[in-house]
Amino acid sequence: MILYDNRDLRHIILRKSGSVIFSRNVLIPATLSTCLCAFLLTYEDLGERVHVSTSVSRIYATILGFVIVMRTTMSFGRFFSGITETTIMFSKWRDACTSTFCFVDVSIEELQRKGDLAGIRE
């Protein structure tokens, strides 16, 4: 059985099992990228010693933006797919419930027409 605990927001965000945030494949590149950017921003004499092309930062920002947009689009797609499937499920349950109620109503009317009141009480 799957146990859901969706009340504690800290548990959802900070859990290590099943989370993408704390996986090794995400943390290592993010940490290295952040350290490199921090080094480049804090090093004062970098412009005099090394020529850093502005196109590198543009390419990096473009790739990062593309990845963020792609992942967001995929997550919205999964979310709205779940909404669609849930709507279909509710529709099927409503159809089944309506059919059951109609069957019971017609059965009661048929038993009343025949005069079998003992069948109605059961």
Protein backbone atom coordinates (compact mmCIF):
# COMPACT_ATOMS: atom_id res chain seq x y z
CA MET A 1 0.00 0.00 0.00
CA ILE A 2 1.24 3.49 -0.84
CA LEU A 3 1.09 5.90 2.08
CA TYR A 4 0.67 9.55 1.18
CA ASP A 5 1.69 12.29 3.58
CA ASN A 6 0.98 15.53 1.74
CA ARG A 7 0.33 17.74 4.74
CA ASP A 8 3.94 18.57 5.66
CA LEU A 9 5.42 20.75 2.91
CA ARG A 10 8.94 20.48 4.35
CA HIS A 11 8.75 16.68 4.11
CA ILE A 12 7.71 16.87 0.46
CA ILE A 13 10.51 19.23 -0.53
CA LEU A 14 13.34 17.95 1.67
CA ARG A 15 12.88 14.18 1.47
CA LYS A 16 15.72 12.31 -0.16
CA SER A 17 13.89 9.25 -1.45
CA GLY A 18 12.04 9.80 -4.68
CA SER A 19 13.12 13.43 -4.92
CA VAL A 20 14.86 14.95 -7.91
CA ILE A 21 16.22 17.85 -5.89
CA PHE A 22 18.71 15.83 -3.81
CA SER A 23 19.90 13.30 -6.36
CA ARG A 24 23.60 13.12 -7.17
CA ASN A 25 23.01 13.79 -10.87
CA VAL A 26 21.44 17.14 -10.01
CA LEU A 27 23.56 18.31 -7.09
CA ILE A 28 27.04 17.83 -8.57
CA PRO A 29 26.57 19.86 -11.81
CA ALA A 30 24.57 22.52 -9.99
CA THR A 31 27.24 22.89 -7.29
CA LEU A 32 30.08 23.03 -9.81
CA SER A 33 28.24 25.57 -11.95
CA THR A 34 27.45 27.74 -8.94
CA CYS A 35 31.04 27.63 -7.69
CA LEU A 36 32.37 28.55 -11.14
CA CYS A 37 29.97 31.49 -11.42
CA ALA A 38 30.78 32.66 -7.89
CA PHE A 39 34.51 32.49 -8.65
CA LEU A 40 34.11 34.46 -11.87
CA LEU A 41 32.01 37.11 -10.17
CA THR A 42 34.25 37.58 -7.12
CA TYR A 43 37.63 37.52 -8.83
CA GLU A 44 38.50 41.18 -9.38
CA ASP A 45 41.38 40.97 -11.85
CA LEU A 46 39.77 38.43 -14.13
CA GLY A 47 39.12 40.93 -16.93
CA GLU A 48 42.80 41.90 -17.07
CA ARG A 49 44.24 38.36 -17.01
CA VAL A 50 41.73 36.27 -18.91
CA HIS A 51 39.41 37.23 -21.70
CA VAL A 52 35.99 35.71 -21.01
CA SER A 53 33.73 35.88 -24.02
CA THR A 54 30.20 37.12 -23.45
CA SER A 55 28.89 34.50 -25.85
CA VAL A 56 29.80 31.76 -23.34
CA SER A 57 27.48 33.23 -20.75
CA ARG A 58 24.76 33.70 -23.38
CA ILE A 59 25.05 30.07 -24.48
CA TYR A 60 24.99 28.90 -20.87
CA ALA A 61 21.92 31.03 -20.09
CA THR A 62 20.19 29.84 -23.28
CA ILE A 63 20.77 26.17 -22.48
CA LEU A 64 19.70 26.66 -18.87
CA GLY A 65 16.55 28.51 -19.96
CA PHE A 66 15.73 25.80 -22.50
CA VAL A 67 16.11 23.06 -19.87
CA ILE A 68 13.92 24.92 -17.37
CA VAL A 69 11.20 25.59 -19.96
CA MET A 70 11.32 21.99 -21.23
CA ARG A 71 11.00 20.51 -17.73
CA THR A 72 8.20 22.91 -16.84
CA THR A 73 6.35 22.04 -20.04
CA MET A 74 6.73 18.32 -19.32
CA SER A 75 5.47 18.72 -15.75
CA PHE A 76 2.46 20.76 -16.87
CA GLY A 77 1.74 18.07 -19.47
CA ARG A 78 1.81 15.35 -16.81
CA PHE A 79 -0.35 17.44 -14.47
CA PHE A 80 -3.03 18.15 -17.06
CA SER A 81 -2.93 14.54 -18.24
CA GLY A 82 -3.71 13.51 -14.67
CA ILE A 83 -6.55 16.05 -14.56
CA THR A 84 -7.98 14.59 -17.78
CA GLU A 85 -7.74 11.01 -16.52
CA THR A 86 -9.34 11.98 -13.19
CA THR A 87 -12.20 13.68 -15.02
CA ILE A 88 -12.73 10.54 -17.13
CA MET A 89 -12.68 8.40 -13.97
CA PHE A 90 -15.32 10.59 -12.29
CA SER A 91 -17.44 10.43 -15.43
CA LYS A 92 -17.28 6.61 -15.48
CA TRP A 93 -18.18 6.42 -11.77
CA ARG A 94 -21.10 8.81 -12.30
CA ASP A 95 -22.34 6.71 -15.23
CA ALA A 96 -22.12 3.52 -13.16
CA CYS A 97 -23.90 5.14 -10.21
CA THR A 98 -26.66 6.49 -12.47
CA SER A 99 -27.15 3.06 -14.04
CA THR A 100 -27.36 1.44 -10.61
CA PHE A 101 -29.90 3.99 -9.36
CA CYS A 102 -32.02 3.54 -12.50
CA PHE A 103 -31.91 -0.24 -12.11
CA VAL A 104 -33.01 0.01 -8.46
CA ASP A 105 -35.82 2.46 -9.28
CA VAL A 106 -37.16 0.31 -12.13
CA SER A 107 -36.89 -2.83 -9.97
CA ILE A 108 -38.89 -1.20 -7.15
CA GLU A 109 -41.55 0.03 -9.58
CA GLU A 110 -41.81 -3.46 -11.14
CA LEU A 111 -42.16 -5.12 -7.71
CA GLN A 112 -44.81 -2.56 -6.68
CA ARG A 113 -46.70 -3.19 -9.90
CA LYS A 114 -46.72 -6.93 -9.22
CA GLY A 115 -47.73 -6.33 -5.62
CA ASP A 116 -44.70 -8.10 -4.16
CA LEU A 117 -44.07 -5.81 -1.19
CA ALA A 118 -41.86 -8.42 0.53
CA GLY A 119 -39.33 -8.07 -2.32
CA ILE A 120 -39.06 -4.33 -1.76
CA ARG A 121 -38.19 -4.69 1.91
CA GLU A 122 -35.32 -7.06 1.18
